[in-house]
Amino acid sequence: MQISDAPDHAHARPRAVHWLATGAALSAVVALAALSQPGAATAIATPPGEPSVKSAGTTAPAVQEPPDPAAVDFPLDCGEGDEAGTVIVQRAYGDLDGDGVPETVVAVRCRSGAGTPPSGVYVLTGAGGEPRIVATLVDPAERRSVAPGLAVHGRAILATLLGYSGPDVPSCCPDEEERTSWTWRDGAFVRGPQPVARGM
């Protein structure tokens, strides 16, 4: 038997099985390419201070900062002179009325070198412009100070108020304590005792 120098092309004849295998491979490549392409809606980096683009034609809502108490004049009579002025003792933040705009709760007292001047507790809003007082929770005339721990939990304001049982108690040493809360209800802050924490 003599071997021909020409290559045997009998095995190269296309068959139905070859076409099916080729079609399946092409389909897989096309599907993989489609999955790896970026979608029409992609995140775009933006400079600080500008809203980020979430998708084509949609911008994320700007996050509003709570009002800054340093921009507010508080109604405390702290006298005159270099030592006069107010001191922001504590602050807390939260959306107290559910309108999507955060408020600031702040305890403020007069600056003093000694003793514990009474504090005022105020709610500030920045809605519609400059920060302003929208509610007085504790008037300095009540002769109360605020213990550490002023906080906002959900829509409730929690504070521990320190006071005096009589006029003879020195201002440095309050001898009464009241755990108080305020909640927004029917267009006003309603004062009451703090809820009792339940054990696990």
C-alpha atoms as a PDB file:
ATOM      1  CA  MET A   1       0.000   0.000   0.000  1.00  0.00           C
ATOM      2  CA  GLN A   2       1.386   3.316  -1.047  1.00  0.00           C
ATOM      3  CA  ILE A   3       0.900   6.395   1.228  1.00  0.00           C
ATOM      4  CA  SER A   4      -0.108   9.490  -0.644  1.00  0.00           C
ATOM      5  CA  ASP A   5       1.849  12.727  -0.076  1.00  0.00           C
ATOM      6  CA  ALA A   6      -1.412  14.737  -0.097  1.00  0.00           C
ATOM      7  CA  PRO A   7      -3.028  15.195   3.307  1.00  0.00           C
ATOM      8  CA  ASP A   8      -6.209  13.314   4.033  1.00  0.00           C
ATOM      9  CA  HIS A   9      -9.080  15.821   4.447  1.00  0.00           C
ATOM     10  CA  ALA A  10     -11.776  13.309   5.086  1.00  0.00           C
ATOM     11  CA  HIS A  11     -11.886  14.149   8.804  1.00  0.00           C
ATOM     12  CA  ALA A  12     -12.354  17.887   8.038  1.00  0.00           C
ATOM     13  CA  ARG A  13     -15.755  17.482   6.453  1.00  0.00           C
ATOM     14  CA  PRO A  14     -18.316  19.418   8.504  1.00  0.00           C
ATOM     15  CA  ARG A  15     -20.907  17.408  10.331  1.00  0.00           C
ATOM     16  CA  ALA A  16     -23.980  18.480  12.320  1.00  0.00           C
ATOM     17  CA  VAL A  17     -22.189  17.793  15.622  1.00  0.00           C
ATOM     18  CA  HIS A  18     -19.408  20.228  14.701  1.00  0.00           C
ATOM     19  CA  TRP A  19     -21.903  22.985  13.889  1.00  0.00           C
ATOM     20  CA  LEU A  20     -23.774  22.491  17.182  1.00  0.00           C
ATOM     21  CA  ALA A  21     -20.562  22.633  19.218  1.00  0.00           C
ATOM     22  CA  THR A  22     -19.408  25.783  17.395  1.00  0.00           C
ATOM     23  CA  GLY A  23     -22.790  27.480  17.900  1.00  0.00           C
ATOM     24  CA  ALA A  24     -22.788  26.670  21.623  1.00  0.00           C
ATOM     25  CA  ALA A  25     -19.268  28.082  22.055  1.00  0.00           C
ATOM     26  CA  LEU A  26     -20.165  31.308  20.234  1.00  0.00           C
ATOM     27  CA  SER A  27     -23.305  31.728  22.355  1.00  0.00           C
ATOM     28  CA  ALA A  28     -21.256  31.364  25.535  1.00  0.00           C
ATOM     29  CA  VAL A  29     -18.726  33.988  24.371  1.00  0.00           C
ATOM     30  CA  VAL A  30     -21.490  36.469  23.472  1.00  0.00           C
ATOM     31  CA  ALA A  31     -23.242  35.952  26.819  1.00  0.00           C
ATOM     32  CA  LEU A  32     -19.986  36.434  28.754  1.00  0.00           C
ATOM     33  CA  ALA A  33     -19.220  39.636  26.829  1.00  0.00           C
ATOM     34  CA  ALA A  34     -22.694  41.034  27.576  1.00  0.00           C
ATOM     35  CA  LEU A  35     -22.307  40.358  31.308  1.00  0.00           C
ATOM     36  CA  SER A  36     -18.911  42.029  31.488  1.00  0.00           C
ATOM     37  CA  GLN A  37     -20.082  45.297  29.876  1.00  0.00           C
ATOM     38  CA  PRO A  38     -20.954  48.197  32.257  1.00  0.00           C
ATOM     39  CA  GLY A  39     -24.635  49.058  32.484  1.00  0.00           C
ATOM     40  CA  ALA A  40     -26.137  52.345  31.405  1.00  0.00           C
ATOM     41  CA  ALA A  41     -26.529  53.484  35.039  1.00  0.00           C
ATOM     42  CA  THR A  42     -23.150  53.732  36.721  1.00  0.00           C
ATOM     43  CA  ALA A  43     -21.850  55.594  39.747  1.00  0.00           C
ATOM     44  CA  ILE A  44     -19.875  58.713  38.938  1.00  0.00           C
ATOM     45  CA  ALA A  45     -17.375  60.254  41.330  1.00  0.00           C
ATOM     46  CA  THR A  46     -18.190  63.874  42.132  1.00  0.00           C
ATOM     47  CA  PRO A  47     -16.258  66.545  43.993  1.00  0.00           C
ATOM     48  CA  PRO A  48     -16.941  66.954  47.737  1.00  0.00           C
ATOM     49  CA  GLY A  49     -19.988  69.051  48.469  1.00  0.00           C
ATOM     50  CA  GLU A  50     -21.864  68.059  45.301  1.00  0.00           C
ATOM     51  CA  PRO A  51     -24.567  65.383  45.167  1.00  0.00           C
ATOM     52  CA  SER A  52     -23.393  62.084  43.749  1.00  0.00           C
ATOM     53  CA  VAL A  53     -25.059  60.645  40.663  1.00  0.00           C
ATOM     54  CA  LYS A  54     -26.765  57.347  41.476  1.00  0.00           C
ATOM     55  CA  SER A  55     -28.015  56.591  37.978  1.00  0.00           C
ATOM     56  CA  ALA A  56     -28.627  58.317  34.698  1.00  0.00           C
ATOM     57  CA  GLY A  57     -30.776  61.391  35.361  1.00  0.00           C
ATOM     58  CA  THR A  58     -31.082  60.769  39.149  1.00  0.00           C
ATOM     59  CA  THR A  59     -29.168  62.583  41.875  1.00  0.00           C
ATOM     60  CA  ALA A  60     -28.901  61.571  45.529  1.00  0.00           C
ATOM     61  CA  PRO A  61     -30.621  63.947  47.948  1.00  0.00           C
ATOM     62  CA  ALA A  62     -28.221  66.296  49.713  1.00  0.00           C
ATOM     63  CA  VAL A  63     -27.757  65.438  53.386  1.00  0.00           C
ATOM     64  CA  GLN A  64     -28.664  68.446  55.509  1.00  0.00           C
ATOM     65  CA  GLU A  65     -26.424  69.214  58.451  1.00  0.00           C
ATOM     66  CA  PRO A  66     -28.012  69.844  61.866  1.00  0.00           C
ATOM     67  CA  PRO A  67     -28.066  73.507  62.931  1.00  0.00           C
ATOM     68  CA  ASP A  68     -24.884  74.871  64.481  1.00  0.00           C
ATOM     69  CA  PRO A  69     -25.551  76.322  67.974  1.00  0.00           C
ATOM     70  CA  ALA A  70     -22.537  78.631  67.609  1.00  0.00           C
ATOM     71  CA  ALA A  71     -24.605  80.648  65.100  1.00  0.00           C
ATOM     72  CA  VAL A  72     -27.458  81.305  67.586  1.00  0.00           C
ATOM     73  CA  ASP A  73     -27.876  84.071  70.179  1.00  0.00           C
ATOM     74  CA  PHE A  74     -29.376  82.448  73.267  1.00  0.00           C
ATOM     75  CA  PRO A  75     -31.690  84.396  75.598  1.00  0.00           C
ATOM     76  CA  LEU A  76     -29.450  84.249  78.678  1.00  0.00           C
ATOM     77  CA  ASP A  77     -28.533  87.352  80.680  1.00  0.00           C
ATOM     78  CA  CYS A  78     -24.856  86.737  81.336  1.00  0.00           C
ATOM     79  CA  GLY A  79     -23.843  90.320  82.173  1.00  0.00           C
ATOM     80  CA  GLU A  80     -21.073  92.257  80.501  1.00  0.00           C
ATOM     81  CA  GLY A  81     -17.294  92.162  80.393  1.00  0.00           C
ATOM     82  CA  ASP A  82     -14.581  89.832  79.213  1.00  0.00           C
ATOM     83  CA  GLU A  83     -15.822  86.934  81.328  1.00  0.00           C
ATOM     84  CA  ALA A  84     -19.424  87.255  80.166  1.00  0.00           C
ATOM     85  CA  GLY A  85     -20.970  85.142  77.456  1.00  0.00           C
ATOM     86  CA  THR A  86     -22.553  81.765  76.986  1.00  0.00           C
ATOM     87  CA  VAL A  87     -21.062  78.283  77.043  1.00  0.00           C
ATOM     88  CA  ILE A  88     -22.515  75.370  75.107  1.00  0.00           C
ATOM     89  CA  VAL A  89     -22.413  72.582  77.672  1.00  0.00           C
ATOM     90  CA  GLN A  90     -23.913  69.699  75.672  1.00  0.00           C
ATOM     91  CA  ARG A  91     -25.567  69.049  72.340  1.00  0.00           C
ATOM     92  CA  ALA A  92     -27.440  66.220  70.647  1.00  0.00           C
ATOM     93  CA  TYR A  93     -28.910  65.764  67.164  1.00  0.00           C
ATOM     94  CA  GLY A  94     -31.929  64.055  65.630  1.00  0.00           C
ATOM     95  CA  ASP A  95     -35.007  64.424  63.433  1.00  0.00           C
ATOM     96  CA  LEU A  96     -37.463  65.105  66.248  1.00  0.00           C
ATOM     97  CA  ASP A  97     -40.599  65.859  64.230  1.00  0.00           C
ATOM     98  CA  GLY A  98     -40.108  63.397  61.378  1.00  0.00           C
ATOM     99  CA  ASP A  99     -39.861  65.970  58.582  1.00  0.00           C
ATOM    100  CA  GLY A 100     -36.507  64.682  57.343  1.00  0.00           C
ATOM    101  CA  VAL A 101     -34.614  67.753  58.609  1.00  0.00           C
ATOM    102  CA  PRO A 102     -32.379  67.244  61.676  1.00  0.00           C
ATOM    103  CA  GLU A 103     -32.698  69.418  64.771  1.00  0.00           C
ATOM    104  CA  THR A 104     -30.112  70.235  67.434  1.00  0.00           C
ATOM    105  CA  VAL A 105     -30.849  70.028  71.142  1.00  0.00           C
ATOM    106  CA  VAL A 106     -28.437  72.112  73.168  1.00  0.00           C
ATOM    107  CA  ALA A 107     -27.794  72.881  76.838  1.00  0.00           C
ATOM    108  CA  VAL A 108     -26.350  76.368  77.330  1.00  0.00           C
ATOM    109  CA  ARG A 109     -25.294  78.326  80.429  1.00  0.00           C
ATOM    110  CA  CYS A 110     -23.453  81.525  81.254  1.00  0.00           C
ATOM    111  CA  ARG A 111     -19.688  81.367  81.469  1.00  0.00           C
ATOM    112  CA  SER A 112     -18.552  81.259  85.104  1.00  0.00           C
ATOM    113  CA  GLY A 113     -15.307  80.726  86.945  1.00  0.00           C
ATOM    114  CA  ALA A 114     -17.012  79.068  89.907  1.00  0.00           C
ATOM    115  CA  GLY A 115     -20.294  77.421  90.802  1.00  0.00           C
ATOM    116  CA  THR A 116     -22.830  75.905  88.441  1.00  0.00           C
ATOM    117  CA  PRO A 117     -24.902  78.557  86.672  1.00  0.00           C
ATOM    118  CA  PRO A 118     -28.363  77.386  85.596  1.00  0.00           C
ATOM    119  CA  SER A 119     -28.723  76.028  82.088  1.00  0.00           C
ATOM    120  CA  GLY A 120     -31.249  76.569  79.364  1.00  0.00           C
ATOM    121  CA  VAL A 121     -32.167  73.680  77.091  1.00  0.00           C
ATOM    122  CA  TYR A 122     -33.239  74.651  73.583  1.00  0.00           C
ATOM    123  CA  VAL A 123     -34.258  72.989  70.321  1.00  0.00           C
ATOM    124  CA  LEU A 124     -32.776  74.538  67.176  1.00  0.00           C
ATOM    125  CA  THR A 125     -33.824  74.140  63.572  1.00  0.00           C
ATOM    126  CA  GLY A 126     -32.103  75.219  60.392  1.00  0.00           C
ATOM    127  CA  ALA A 127     -35.100  74.648  58.140  1.00  0.00           C
ATOM    128  CA  GLY A 128     -35.695  77.575  55.856  1.00  0.00           C
ATOM    129  CA  GLY A 129     -32.461  79.465  56.533  1.00  0.00           C
ATOM    130  CA  GLU A 130     -30.303  80.392  59.513  1.00  0.00           C
ATOM    131  CA  PRO A 131     -30.333  78.278  62.703  1.00  0.00           C
ATOM    132  CA  ARG A 132     -32.927  79.506  65.205  1.00  0.00           C
ATOM    133  CA  ILE A 133     -34.564  78.474  68.473  1.00  0.00           C
ATOM    134  CA  VAL A 134     -37.939  76.785  67.983  1.00  0.00           C
ATOM    135  CA  ALA A 135     -38.529  75.555  71.547  1.00  0.00           C
ATOM    136  CA  THR A 136     -37.307  76.216  75.080  1.00  0.00           C
ATOM    137  CA  LEU A 137     -37.364  72.973  77.046  1.00  0.00           C
ATOM    138  CA  VAL A 138     -35.744  74.289  80.230  1.00  0.00           C
ATOM    139  CA  ASP A 139     -35.713  77.979  81.093  1.00  0.00           C
ATOM    140  CA  PRO A 140     -32.678  79.176  83.073  1.00  0.00           C
ATOM    141  CA  ALA A 141     -35.142  80.744  85.532  1.00  0.00           C
ATOM    142  CA  GLU A 142     -35.916  77.187  86.727  1.00  0.00           C
ATOM    143  CA  ARG A 143     -32.404  77.061  88.255  1.00  0.00           C
ATOM    144  CA  ARG A 144     -31.612  73.680  86.712  1.00  0.00           C
ATOM    145  CA  SER A 145     -28.408  72.333  85.255  1.00  0.00           C
ATOM    146  CA  VAL A 146     -28.016  69.354  82.943  1.00  0.00           C
ATOM    147  CA  ALA A 147     -26.013  66.299  83.958  1.00  0.00           C
ATOM    148  CA  PRO A 148     -23.806  64.643  81.325  1.00  0.00           C
ATOM    149  CA  GLY A 149     -25.810  62.429  78.973  1.00  0.00           C
ATOM    150  CA  LEU A 150     -28.126  64.762  77.037  1.00  0.00           C
ATOM    151  CA  ALA A 151     -29.277  62.568  74.145  1.00  0.00           C
ATOM    152  CA  VAL A 152     -31.793  62.048  71.360  1.00  0.00           C
ATOM    153  CA  HIS A 153     -33.236  58.533  70.998  1.00  0.00           C
ATOM    154  CA  GLY A 154     -35.540  58.265  68.007  1.00  0.00           C
ATOM    155  CA  ARG A 155     -37.827  61.267  68.443  1.00  0.00           C
ATOM    156  CA  ALA A 156     -37.365  61.556  72.210  1.00  0.00           C
ATOM    157  CA  ILE A 157     -35.010  63.935  74.023  1.00  0.00           C
ATOM    158  CA  LEU A 158     -33.547  62.532  77.235  1.00  0.00           C
ATOM    159  CA  ALA A 159     -31.866  64.593  79.952  1.00  0.00           C
ATOM    160  CA  THR A 160     -31.095  64.402  83.646  1.00  0.00           C
ATOM    161  CA  LEU A 161     -31.813  67.736  85.321  1.00  0.00           C
ATOM    162  CA  LEU A 162     -30.108  68.744  88.540  1.00  0.00           C
ATOM    163  CA  GLY A 163     -31.775  71.209  90.895  1.00  0.00           C
ATOM    164  CA  TYR A 164     -32.048  72.496  94.426  1.00  0.00           C
ATOM    165  CA  SER A 165     -34.455  71.653  97.220  1.00  0.00           C
ATOM    166  CA  GLY A 166     -34.343  75.215  98.548  1.00  0.00           C
ATOM    167  CA  PRO A 167     -32.686  78.639  98.244  1.00  0.00           C
ATOM    168  CA  ASP A 168     -30.112  77.810 100.929  1.00  0.00           C
ATOM    169  CA  VAL A 169     -28.507  75.017  98.884  1.00  0.00           C
ATOM    170  CA  PRO A 170     -25.264  76.361  97.377  1.00  0.00           C
ATOM    171  CA  SER A 171     -25.194  76.617  93.580  1.00  0.00           C
ATOM    172  CA  CYS A 172     -22.155  74.369  93.423  1.00  0.00           C
ATOM    173  CA  CYS A 173     -23.983  71.395  94.866  1.00  0.00           C
ATOM    174  CA  PRO A 174     -27.439  70.600  93.443  1.00  0.00           C
ATOM    175  CA  ASP A 175     -29.255  68.096  95.659  1.00  0.00           C
ATOM    176  CA  GLU A 176     -32.137  67.051  93.392  1.00  0.00           C
ATOM    177  CA  GLU A 177     -32.155  64.934  90.245  1.00  0.00           C
ATOM    178  CA  GLU A 178     -34.932  64.504  87.679  1.00  0.00           C
ATOM    179  CA  ARG A 179     -34.710  62.137  84.709  1.00  0.00           C
ATOM    180  CA  THR A 180     -36.780  63.902  82.051  1.00  0.00           C
ATOM    181  CA  SER A 181     -37.848  63.307  78.471  1.00  0.00           C
ATOM    182  CA  TRP A 182     -39.564  65.391  75.798  1.00  0.00           C
ATOM    183  CA  THR A 183     -41.393  64.037  72.773  1.00  0.00           C
ATOM    184  CA  TRP A 184     -42.924  65.893  69.824  1.00  0.00           C
ATOM    185  CA  ARG A 185     -46.698  65.492  69.940  1.00  0.00           C
ATOM    186  CA  ASP A 186     -49.472  67.515  68.296  1.00  0.00           C
ATOM    187  CA  GLY A 187     -47.134  70.363  67.345  1.00  0.00           C
ATOM    188  CA  ALA A 188     -45.372  70.748  70.713  1.00  0.00           C
ATOM    189  CA  PHE A 189     -42.758  69.081  72.913  1.00  0.00           C
ATOM    190  CA  VAL A 190     -44.458  67.220  75.734  1.00  0.00           C
ATOM    191  CA  ARG A 191     -42.447  66.797  78.923  1.00  0.00           C
ATOM    192  CA  GLY A 192     -42.569  63.655  81.037  1.00  0.00           C
ATOM    193  CA  PRO A 193     -40.420  61.139  82.911  1.00  0.00           C
ATOM    194  CA  GLN A 194     -37.905  59.033  81.043  1.00  0.00           C
ATOM    195  CA  PRO A 195     -39.198  55.597  80.075  1.00  0.00           C
ATOM    196  CA  VAL A 196     -37.987  52.791  82.299  1.00  0.00           C
ATOM    197  CA  ALA A 197     -35.423  50.622  80.554  1.00  0.00           C
ATOM    198  CA  ARG A 198     -36.557  46.998  80.291  1.00  0.00           C
ATOM    199  CA  GLY A 199     -34.137  44.203  81.086  1.00  0.00           C
ATOM    200  CA  MET A 200     -33.283  41.527  78.548  1.00  0.00           C
END
